[in-house]
Amino acid sequence: MTTQHNDSLLRFMTCGSVDDGKSTLIGRLLYDTKTILADTLTQISNTSKKRGMEAVDLSLLTDGLQAEREQGITIDVAYRYFSTGTRKYIIADAPGHEQYTRNMVTAASTANLAIILIDARRGVLTQTRRHSYLAHLVGIPHIVVAVNKMDLVNYDQATFDKICADYTAFATELGLAAARDIRFIPMSALNGDMLVDRLDNMSWYQGETLLEMLEKAPAAHTEQSEAFRFPVQFVCRPHASDNPELHDFRGFMGRIESGEIAVGDAVTVLPNGYTSKVKAIQLGAEQLQSASTEQSVTLLLEDEIDTSRGDMIVKSTETIEPVKQVEAFVCWLSETPMSTARTYIVRHTTRESKAKVGAISYKVDVNTLEQQATTELKMNDIARISFKLAQPLMIDSYKNNRATGAFIIIDESTNNTVGAGMIV
């Protein structure tokens, strides 16, 4: 992690086993950073009193579904927002139970940092390993291992050190330790130790508090230069306009998924391979000289080029080859198993293609990390699969570009999203 403060947005998630304190941690962060509205605090205070609790149950801030509050578990992904004086945050509270693994993958897909909670009394569990593997699979670059509930082990340093050693051994076996930035922190989310405030119970820990780690964590797209990728969402041709200057207007609208572009840059439109230069960049009515990642803009090119939705505009110096076969890790999201006999729709950025499953190389047992032979995928299964495509796609590997290295799988008969893929 970098050492300077960053005023950009950070998306992070919390994960871990059931009852490790994920919702309480987020509630404590919101409470200690003074981002809870007074009426919300009153509501959860009243609910806590009805349950016979002396203190406010901060986990109620994220467990918004009635079934979650009744059972005391997180079922769906809950998103919460808060800000400090230096940056803004989006938190995803992922479910801890095994049957909601697919929800955890959804939350992880946009996160740049993961907080993996471990109950200090129970140590590294199967679900800890499962969520660590999933965080590794979806390319989250920064991981904070938060050893929670230290108050229940009398803030014992030896307990914390043993959990750190156990997790490091597992992470090394997984290949996670070498590929990711991993930090460890002891805490008590219930009492607020080491989240925002540094209390006196763990004077043996000299590292940063959780909020200090979050404040210094790099935002997405800031740690390395990225190739320019601009999937075309819409071709703007205002034929009915009364302004004669707009009769020849042809703008390509979309969101810059990675990289940056400037007026005068040479570009290539894929998959047809036509080339041109950027004549203008518009953001609403504003004229820009350059634009970068996550900006939604309109590009005007110097030449008339046959371009439509689903095409990809790239810099001519960073072009990629369209492909009609992809190899990917897939997380199956549907209760209906994947069938190698069926045809699916692969949606990649703004482009769609019919696809057939070429082969299932193996399924990963996320509990043991063992590779198993299989002929079908059931809900929450993760496997390495090859697809044969009817239309070419402009892809990057997921480890190089999470936006253009990912896709979803759609059941063409129901139009339901049934899988999520990460291109190898």
Protein backbone atom coordinates (compact mmCIF):
# COMPACT_ATOMS: atom_id res chain seq x y z
CA MET A 1 0.00 0.00 0.00
CA THR A 2 1.13 3.56 -0.62
CA THR A 3 1.94 5.93 2.19
CA GLN A 4 0.22 9.10 1.11
CA HIS A 5 -3.42 10.00 1.57
CA ASN A 6 -5.76 9.55 -1.36
CA ASP A 7 -8.96 11.51 -1.99
CA SER A 8 -10.32 9.03 -4.53
CA LEU A 9 -12.99 6.37 -4.10
CA LEU A 10 -12.09 3.03 -2.51
CA ARG A 11 -14.35 0.02 -2.94
CA PHE A 12 -13.71 -2.68 -0.35
CA MET A 13 -15.52 -5.70 1.02
CA THR A 14 -15.72 -7.66 4.24
CA CYS A 15 -15.84 -11.45 4.22
CA GLY A 16 -15.25 -14.41 6.48
CA SER A 17 -17.14 -17.17 8.23
CA VAL A 18 -20.60 -16.85 9.78
CA ASP A 19 -20.63 -14.78 12.99
CA ASP A 20 -17.07 -13.48 12.64
CA GLY A 21 -18.41 -9.94 13.09
CA LYS A 22 -18.46 -8.55 9.54
CA SER A 23 -21.69 -6.57 9.95
CA THR A 24 -20.61 -5.33 13.38
CA LEU A 25 -17.28 -4.14 11.93
CA ILE A 26 -19.03 -2.09 9.24
CA GLY A 27 -21.52 -0.74 11.74
CA ARG A 28 -18.66 0.31 14.03
CA LEU A 29 -16.84 2.01 11.13
CA LEU A 30 -19.97 3.97 10.24
CA TYR A 31 -20.60 4.84 13.89
CA ASP A 32 -17.05 5.93 14.72
CA THR A 33 -16.73 8.01 11.53
CA LYS A 34 -19.99 9.83 12.42
CA THR A 35 -21.78 8.77 9.23
CA ILE A 36 -24.96 7.32 10.79
CA LEU A 37 -28.10 9.45 10.58
CA ALA A 38 -29.76 10.22 13.91
CA ASP A 39 -33.07 8.54 12.97
CA THR A 40 -31.24 5.39 11.86
CA LEU A 41 -29.33 5.24 15.15
CA THR A 42 -32.60 5.66 17.07
CA GLN A 43 -34.21 2.84 15.09
CA ILE A 44 -31.45 0.31 15.71
CA SER A 45 -31.24 1.40 19.37
CA ASN A 46 -34.90 0.57 19.81
CA THR A 47 -34.46 -2.79 18.06
CA SER A 48 -31.49 -3.61 20.29
CA LYS A 49 -33.53 -2.82 23.43
CA LYS A 50 -36.36 -5.08 22.26
CA ARG A 51 -33.81 -7.90 22.09
CA GLY A 52 -32.73 -7.20 25.66
CA MET A 53 -29.32 -5.79 24.73
CA GLU A 54 -27.69 -3.13 26.86
CA ALA A 55 -25.56 -1.72 24.03
CA VAL A 56 -26.57 -0.79 20.47
CA ASP A 57 -26.29 -3.72 18.03
CA LEU A 58 -24.34 -2.04 15.22
CA SER A 59 -24.67 -5.09 12.93
CA LEU A 60 -28.27 -4.03 12.26
CA LEU A 61 -26.94 -1.19 10.10
CA THR A 62 -26.05 -3.64 7.32
CA ASP A 63 -28.43 -6.55 7.89
CA GLY A 64 -31.32 -4.80 6.17
CA LEU A 65 -33.46 -7.79 5.16
CA GLN A 66 -36.05 -8.94 7.69
CA ALA A 67 -34.82 -12.54 7.35
CA GLU A 68 -31.28 -11.39 8.11
CA ARG A 69 -32.32 -9.62 11.30
CA GLU A 70 -34.44 -12.55 12.44
CA GLN A 71 -31.67 -15.11 11.86
CA GLY A 72 -28.76 -12.86 12.79
CA ILE A 73 -26.89 -13.67 9.56
CA THR A 74 -26.12 -11.85 6.31
CA ILE A 75 -27.86 -13.36 3.27
CA ASP A 76 -27.46 -10.86 0.44
CA VAL A 77 -24.65 -8.40 -0.26
CA ALA A 78 -25.25 -5.14 1.59
CA TYR A 79 -23.62 -1.96 0.26
CA ARG A 80 -22.96 1.00 2.51
CA TYR A 81 -21.30 4.35 1.84
CA PHE A 82 -19.27 6.65 4.05
CA SER A 83 -16.59 9.29 3.73
CA THR A 84 -13.82 10.82 5.81
CA GLY A 85 -11.97 14.06 5.33
CA THR A 86 -9.66 12.46 2.76
CA ARG A 87 -11.67 9.97 0.67
CA LYS A 88 -14.98 8.23 -0.04
CA TYR A 89 -15.76 4.56 0.47
CA ILE A 90 -18.18 1.94 -0.80
CA ILE A 91 -18.37 -1.11 1.48
CA ALA A 92 -19.76 -4.47 0.42
CA ASP A 93 -20.75 -6.75 3.31
CA ALA A 94 -20.54 -10.27 1.82
CA PRO A 95 -22.45 -13.25 3.29
CA GLY A 96 -20.39 -15.68 5.33
CA HIS A 97 -22.45 -18.84 4.84
CA GLU A 98 -21.28 -21.38 2.25
CA GLN A 99 -24.60 -21.45 0.36
CA TYR A 100 -24.23 -17.72 -0.45
CA THR A 101 -20.77 -18.03 -2.06
CA ARG A 102 -22.12 -16.67 -5.36
CA ASN A 103 -23.18 -13.46 -3.58
CA MET A 104 -19.65 -13.10 -2.23
CA VAL A 105 -18.20 -13.39 -5.76
CA THR A 106 -20.56 -10.62 -6.91
CA ALA A 107 -19.33 -8.31 -4.15
CA ALA A 108 -15.67 -9.13 -4.82
CA SER A 109 -15.82 -8.36 -8.53
CA THR A 110 -15.55 -4.57 -8.01
CA ALA A 111 -13.53 -4.46 -4.77
CA ASN A 112 -9.94 -3.26 -4.62
CA LEU A 113 -9.41 -4.37 -1.02
CA ALA A 114 -10.83 -7.23 1.04
CA ILE A 115 -11.09 -7.39 4.82
CA ILE A 116 -11.10 -11.07 5.78
CA LEU A 117 -12.32 -11.47 9.34
CA ILE A 118 -11.17 -14.29 11.60
CA ASP A 119 -12.70 -15.03 15.01
CA ALA A 120 -9.77 -15.01 17.44
CA ARG A 121 -11.33 -17.94 19.34
CA ARG A 122 -11.67 -20.17 16.26
CA GLY A 123 -8.69 -19.27 14.08
CA VAL A 124 -8.42 -20.00 10.34
CA LEU A 125 -11.54 -21.92 9.22
CA THR A 126 -12.63 -23.57 5.98
CA GLN A 127 -14.68 -20.48 5.07
CA THR A 128 -11.60 -18.30 5.68
CA ARG A 129 -9.73 -20.37 3.11
CA ARG A 130 -12.70 -20.33 0.74
CA HIS A 131 -13.08 -16.56 0.80
CA SER A 132 -9.32 -16.04 0.50
CA TYR A 133 -9.27 -18.23 -2.59
CA LEU A 134 -12.21 -16.33 -4.09
CA ALA A 135 -10.54 -12.99 -3.34
CA HIS A 136 -7.42 -14.32 -5.08
CA LEU A 137 -9.48 -15.62 -8.03
CA VAL A 138 -11.23 -12.29 -8.68
CA GLY A 139 -7.97 -10.36 -8.45
CA ILE A 140 -8.42 -8.24 -5.32
CA PRO A 141 -4.89 -6.80 -4.90
CA HIS A 142 -4.98 -5.81 -1.21
CA ILE A 143 -6.07 -8.03 1.70
CA VAL A 144 -6.40 -7.08 5.35
CA VAL A 145 -6.68 -10.09 7.67
CA ALA A 146 -8.60 -8.76 10.67
CA VAL A 147 -8.40 -10.98 13.75
CA ASN A 148 -11.63 -9.96 15.45
CA LYS A 149 -13.08 -10.55 18.93
CA MET A 150 -9.70 -10.13 20.62
CA ASP A 151 -11.62 -9.04 23.73
CA LEU A 152 -12.85 -12.65 24.09
CA VAL A 153 -9.28 -14.00 24.30
CA ASN A 154 -8.11 -11.29 26.73
CA TYR A 155 -6.25 -9.45 23.94
CA ASP A 156 -3.63 -12.20 23.92
CA GLN A 157 -0.76 -11.48 21.54
CA ALA A 158 0.23 -15.16 21.24
CA THR A 159 -3.24 -16.02 19.90
CA PHE A 160 -2.94 -13.27 17.29
CA ASP A 161 0.58 -14.36 16.28
CA LYS A 162 -0.50 -18.00 15.84
CA ILE A 163 -3.43 -17.01 13.59
CA CYS A 164 -1.10 -14.81 11.50
CA ALA A 165 1.33 -17.73 11.10
CA ASP A 166 -1.47 -20.17 10.16
CA TYR A 167 -2.91 -17.79 7.58
CA THR A 168 0.51 -16.99 6.10
CA ALA A 169 1.21 -20.72 5.65
CA PHE A 170 -2.11 -21.19 3.84
CA ALA A 171 -1.60 -18.07 1.72
CA THR A 172 1.85 -19.28 0.69
CA GLU A 173 0.40 -22.65 -0.36
CA LEU A 174 -2.27 -20.88 -2.40
CA GLY A 175 0.21 -18.53 -4.05
CA LEU A 176 -1.61 -15.63 -2.44
CA ALA A 177 1.29 -14.37 -0.33
CA ALA A 178 3.52 -13.66 -3.34
CA ALA A 179 0.76 -12.15 -5.51
CA ARG A 180 -1.09 -9.95 -3.03
CA ASP A 181 -0.42 -7.26 -0.44
CA ILE A 182 -1.50 -8.88 2.87
CA ARG A 183 -1.71 -7.02 6.19
CA PHE A 184 -2.73 -8.34 9.65
CA ILE A 185 -4.50 -6.42 12.40
CA PRO A 186 -5.95 -7.43 15.81
CA MET A 187 -9.26 -5.81 16.73
CA SER A 188 -12.51 -5.86 18.63
CA ALA A 189 -15.27 -4.56 16.36
CA LEU A 190 -17.76 -4.66 19.23
CA ASN A 191 -15.69 -2.31 21.41
CA GLY A 192 -14.04 -0.36 18.59
CA ASP A 193 -10.46 -1.41 19.34
CA MET A 194 -8.13 -0.69 16.38
CA LEU A 195 -10.86 0.28 13.90
CA VAL A 196 -10.89 4.06 14.07
CA ASP A 197 -9.58 4.61 17.59
CA ARG A 198 -6.47 3.08 19.15
CA LEU A 199 -7.51 2.01 22.64
CA ASP A 200 -5.18 0.80 25.41
CA ASN A 201 -5.97 -2.93 25.33
CA MET A 202 -3.38 -3.94 22.70
CA SER A 203 -0.34 -1.76 23.33
CA TRP A 204 1.79 -4.64 21.95
CA TYR A 205 0.42 -3.92 18.45
CA GLN A 206 2.30 -0.99 16.91
CA GLY A 207 0.81 -1.16 13.41
CA GLU A 208 -1.84 0.99 11.76
CA THR A 209 -5.52 1.03 12.70
CA LEU A 210 -7.99 -0.30 10.16
CA LEU A 211 -9.07 3.19 9.07
CA GLU A 212 -5.44 4.24 8.61
CA MET A 213 -4.94 1.22 6.30
CA LEU A 214 -8.06 2.13 4.32
CA GLU A 215 -7.03 5.77 4.03
CA LYS A 216 -3.67 4.80 2.49
CA ALA A 217 -4.86 1.97 0.23
CA PRO A 218 -4.53 2.71 -3.51
CA ALA A 219 -7.73 3.13 -5.49
CA ALA A 220 -8.45 0.97 -8.53
CA HIS A 221 -6.55 1.74 -11.77
CA THR A 222 -3.86 3.76 -9.95
CA GLU A 223 -1.05 1.25 -9.40
CA GLN A 224 0.02 0.52 -12.97
CA SER A 225 -0.47 1.92 -16.45
CA GLU A 226 -3.38 0.31 -18.29
CA ALA A 227 -4.20 -0.04 -21.96
CA PHE A 228 -7.05 2.09 -23.33
CA ARG A 229 -10.28 0.11 -23.67
CA PHE A 230 -13.52 1.79 -24.81
CA PRO A 231 -16.48 -0.54 -25.53
CA VAL A 232 -19.03 1.33 -27.67
CA GLN A 233 -22.43 1.45 -25.98
CA PHE A 234 -24.31 3.67 -28.42
CA VAL A 235 -23.74 5.43 -31.75
CA CYS A 236 -25.24 8.93 -31.51
CA ARG A 237 -26.73 10.26 -34.79
CA PRO A 238 -29.24 13.09 -34.00
CA HIS A 239 -31.00 13.09 -37.42
CA ALA A 240 -34.07 14.95 -36.16
CA SER A 241 -32.16 17.92 -34.78
CA ASP A 242 -33.05 21.43 -36.04
CA ASN A 243 -29.38 22.40 -35.76
CA PRO A 244 -27.79 21.90 -39.21
CA GLU A 245 -24.37 21.43 -37.59
CA LEU A 246 -25.61 18.19 -35.99
CA HIS A 247 -26.77 16.53 -39.22
CA ASP A 248 -23.29 15.10 -39.78
CA PHE A 249 -22.66 14.39 -36.07
CA ARG A 250 -21.53 10.84 -35.36
CA GLY A 251 -20.42 10.22 -31.79
CA PHE A 252 -19.47 6.95 -30.13
CA MET A 253 -20.75 6.88 -26.56
CA GLY A 254 -19.54 4.64 -23.76
CA ARG A 255 -17.48 4.31 -20.61
CA ILE A 256 -13.70 4.16 -20.56
CA GLU A 257 -13.01 0.85 -18.83
CA SER A 258 -9.26 1.42 -18.54
CA GLY A 259 -6.47 3.71 -19.69
CA GLU A 260 -6.73 7.23 -21.06
CA ILE A 261 -7.32 8.95 -24.38
CA ALA A 262 -6.58 12.42 -25.76
CA VAL A 263 -7.59 14.44 -28.81
CA GLY A 264 -5.30 13.52 -31.69
CA ASP A 265 -4.57 9.97 -30.51
CA ALA A 266 -4.58 7.27 -33.21
CA VAL A 267 -7.20 4.59 -32.51
CA THR A 268 -8.31 1.26 -33.96
CA VAL A 269 -11.89 -0.01 -33.96
CA LEU A 270 -12.21 -3.75 -33.32
CA PRO A 271 -13.08 -6.31 -34.55
CA ASN A 272 -13.06 -4.75 -38.05
CA GLY A 273 -9.61 -3.16 -37.62
CA TYR A 274 -10.43 0.28 -39.06
CA THR A 275 -8.14 3.11 -37.92
CA SER A 276 -8.64 6.84 -37.35
CA LYS A 277 -7.77 9.66 -34.95
CA VAL A 278 -9.76 11.21 -32.12
CA LYS A 279 -11.22 14.50 -33.32
CA ALA A 280 -13.05 15.49 -30.14
CA ILE A 281 -14.01 14.19 -26.68
CA GLN A 282 -17.29 15.32 -25.15
CA LEU A 283 -18.62 14.95 -21.63
CA GLY A 284 -22.18 16.17 -21.93
CA ALA A 285 -21.90 19.67 -23.38
CA GLU A 286 -18.27 20.02 -22.22
CA GLN A 287 -15.36 19.63 -24.63
CA LEU A 288 -12.40 17.71 -23.15
CA GLN A 289 -8.81 17.46 -24.33
CA SER A 290 -8.39 14.10 -22.60
CA ALA A 291 -10.37 11.54 -20.61
CA SER A 292 -9.48 8.55 -18.42
CA THR A 293 -10.75 5.45 -16.64
CA GLU A 294 -14.41 5.28 -15.56
CA GLN A 295 -15.43 8.46 -17.37
CA SER A 296 -18.49 8.13 -19.60
CA VAL A 297 -17.77 10.19 -22.71
CA THR A 298 -18.55 10.61 -26.41
CA LEU A 299 -15.68 10.13 -28.86
CA LEU A 300 -15.73 11.78 -32.31
CA LEU A 301 -13.33 10.41 -34.92
CA GLU A 302 -11.81 12.16 -37.94
CA ASP A 303 -13.00 9.48 -40.39
CA GLU A 304 -16.38 7.93 -41.17
CA ILE A 305 -16.01 4.40 -39.83
CA ASP A 306 -18.57 1.60 -39.73
CA THR A 307 -18.86 1.19 -35.97
CA SER A 308 -21.74 -0.08 -33.84
CA ARG A 309 -22.62 -1.12 -30.29
CA GLY A 310 -20.35 -3.90 -29.08
CA ASP A 311 -17.27 -2.74 -30.99
CA MET A 312 -14.15 -1.85 -29.01
CA ILE A 313 -12.09 1.31 -29.58
CA VAL A 314 -8.42 0.94 -28.56
CA LYS A 315 -5.26 2.92 -29.15
CA SER A 316 -3.51 1.80 -32.32
CA THR A 317 -0.35 1.18 -30.27
CA GLU A 318 -2.27 -1.08 -27.84
CA THR A 319 -4.41 -3.16 -30.18
CA ILE A 320 -5.56 -6.70 -29.33
CA GLU A 321 -6.56 -9.67 -31.47
CA PRO A 322 -10.29 -10.59 -31.52
CA VAL A 323 -10.79 -14.23 -30.51
CA LYS A 324 -13.53 -16.83 -30.99
CA GLN A 325 -12.41 -19.15 -28.21
CA VAL A 326 -11.75 -18.26 -24.56
CA GLU A 327 -10.46 -20.09 -21.52
CA ALA A 328 -11.79 -18.88 -18.19
CA PHE A 329 -12.54 -19.64 -14.56
CA VAL A 330 -16.31 -19.66 -14.15
CA CYS A 331 -18.39 -19.36 -10.98
CA TRP A 332 -21.77 -20.96 -11.62
CA LEU A 333 -24.60 -18.87 -10.13
CA SER A 334 -27.72 -20.78 -11.17
CA GLU A 335 -29.66 -23.53 -9.43
CA THR A 336 -29.91 -25.19 -12.87
CA PRO A 337 -26.61 -27.00 -13.55
CA MET A 338 -24.43 -26.01 -16.51
CA SER A 339 -24.81 -28.41 -19.44
CA THR A 340 -22.17 -28.95 -22.12
CA ALA A 341 -24.99 -29.72 -24.57
CA ARG A 342 -26.63 -26.29 -24.30
CA THR A 343 -25.93 -22.99 -26.02
CA TYR A 344 -25.44 -19.94 -23.78
CA ILE A 345 -24.95 -16.22 -24.38
CA VAL A 346 -21.67 -14.67 -23.26
CA ARG A 347 -21.91 -10.94 -22.53
CA HIS A 348 -18.50 -9.25 -22.52
CA THR A 349 -18.51 -5.46 -21.95
CA THR A 350 -21.19 -4.26 -24.44
CA ARG A 351 -20.86 -7.21 -26.84
CA GLU A 352 -22.76 -10.50 -26.87
CA SER A 353 -22.02 -13.81 -28.54
CA LYS A 354 -23.64 -17.22 -28.52
CA ALA A 355 -21.32 -19.76 -26.94
CA LYS A 356 -20.92 -23.49 -26.51
CA VAL A 357 -18.97 -25.10 -23.69
CA GLY A 358 -15.88 -26.60 -25.33
CA ALA A 359 -14.59 -28.52 -22.32
CA ILE A 360 -14.57 -28.40 -18.52
CA SER A 361 -10.90 -28.85 -17.62
CA TYR A 362 -11.52 -29.29 -13.89
CA LYS A 363 -13.60 -28.09 -10.95
CA VAL A 364 -11.89 -26.50 -7.94
CA ASP A 365 -12.77 -27.76 -4.47
CA VAL A 366 -12.46 -24.42 -2.68
CA ASN A 367 -12.18 -26.21 0.68
CA THR A 368 -9.08 -28.23 -0.24
CA LEU A 369 -8.04 -26.40 -3.48
CA GLU A 370 -8.04 -29.83 -5.14
CA GLN A 371 -8.72 -30.00 -8.91
CA GLN A 372 -11.52 -32.47 -9.67
CA ALA A 373 -12.78 -33.90 -12.96
CA THR A 374 -16.44 -33.09 -13.72
CA THR A 375 -18.95 -32.98 -16.58
CA GLU A 376 -21.30 -30.35 -15.14
CA LEU A 377 -21.35 -27.37 -12.79
CA LYS A 378 -23.80 -26.88 -9.95
CA MET A 379 -24.61 -23.67 -8.08
CA ASN A 380 -21.53 -22.10 -6.40
CA ASP A 381 -19.13 -24.42 -8.28
CA ILE A 382 -15.95 -22.89 -9.73
CA ALA A 383 -14.25 -24.50 -12.72
CA ARG A 384 -11.83 -23.85 -15.56
CA ILE A 385 -13.77 -23.97 -18.83
CA SER A 386 -13.19 -23.26 -22.52
CA PHE A 387 -15.92 -21.66 -24.67
CA LYS A 388 -16.37 -21.63 -28.45
CA LEU A 389 -17.91 -18.33 -29.61
CA ALA A 390 -20.08 -17.48 -32.59
CA GLN A 391 -18.88 -13.84 -32.64
CA PRO A 392 -15.34 -12.60 -31.92
CA LEU A 393 -14.63 -10.88 -28.59
CA MET A 394 -11.89 -8.36 -27.77
CA ILE A 395 -10.50 -9.69 -24.52
CA ASP A 396 -7.66 -9.18 -22.05
CA SER A 397 -6.60 -11.62 -19.36
CA TYR A 398 -8.40 -10.94 -16.10
CA LYS A 399 -5.18 -10.41 -14.15
CA ASN A 400 -4.24 -7.58 -16.54
CA ASN A 401 -7.65 -5.94 -16.86
CA ARG A 402 -10.60 -6.82 -14.63
CA ALA A 403 -13.08 -4.95 -16.87
CA THR A 404 -12.22 -6.52 -20.24
CA GLY A 405 -11.12 -9.82 -18.70
CA ALA A 406 -14.55 -10.61 -17.24
CA PHE A 407 -17.88 -11.71 -18.67
CA ILE A 408 -21.24 -13.06 -17.61
CA ILE A 409 -23.09 -16.11 -18.95
CA ILE A 410 -26.79 -15.78 -19.79
CA ASP A 411 -29.38 -18.52 -20.29
CA GLU A 412 -30.89 -17.63 -23.66
CA SER A 413 -34.25 -19.24 -22.81
CA THR A 414 -34.85 -17.37 -19.52
CA ASN A 415 -32.47 -14.38 -19.96
CA ASN A 416 -31.18 -15.09 -16.43
CA THR A 417 -27.53 -14.55 -15.52
CA VAL A 418 -26.28 -18.04 -14.70
CA GLY A 419 -22.50 -17.63 -14.46
CA ALA A 420 -19.60 -15.20 -14.10
CA GLY A 421 -16.29 -15.74 -15.86
CA MET A 422 -12.71 -14.52 -15.46
CA ILE A 423 -10.55 -14.99 -18.56
CA VAL A 424 -7.25 -16.82 -18.12
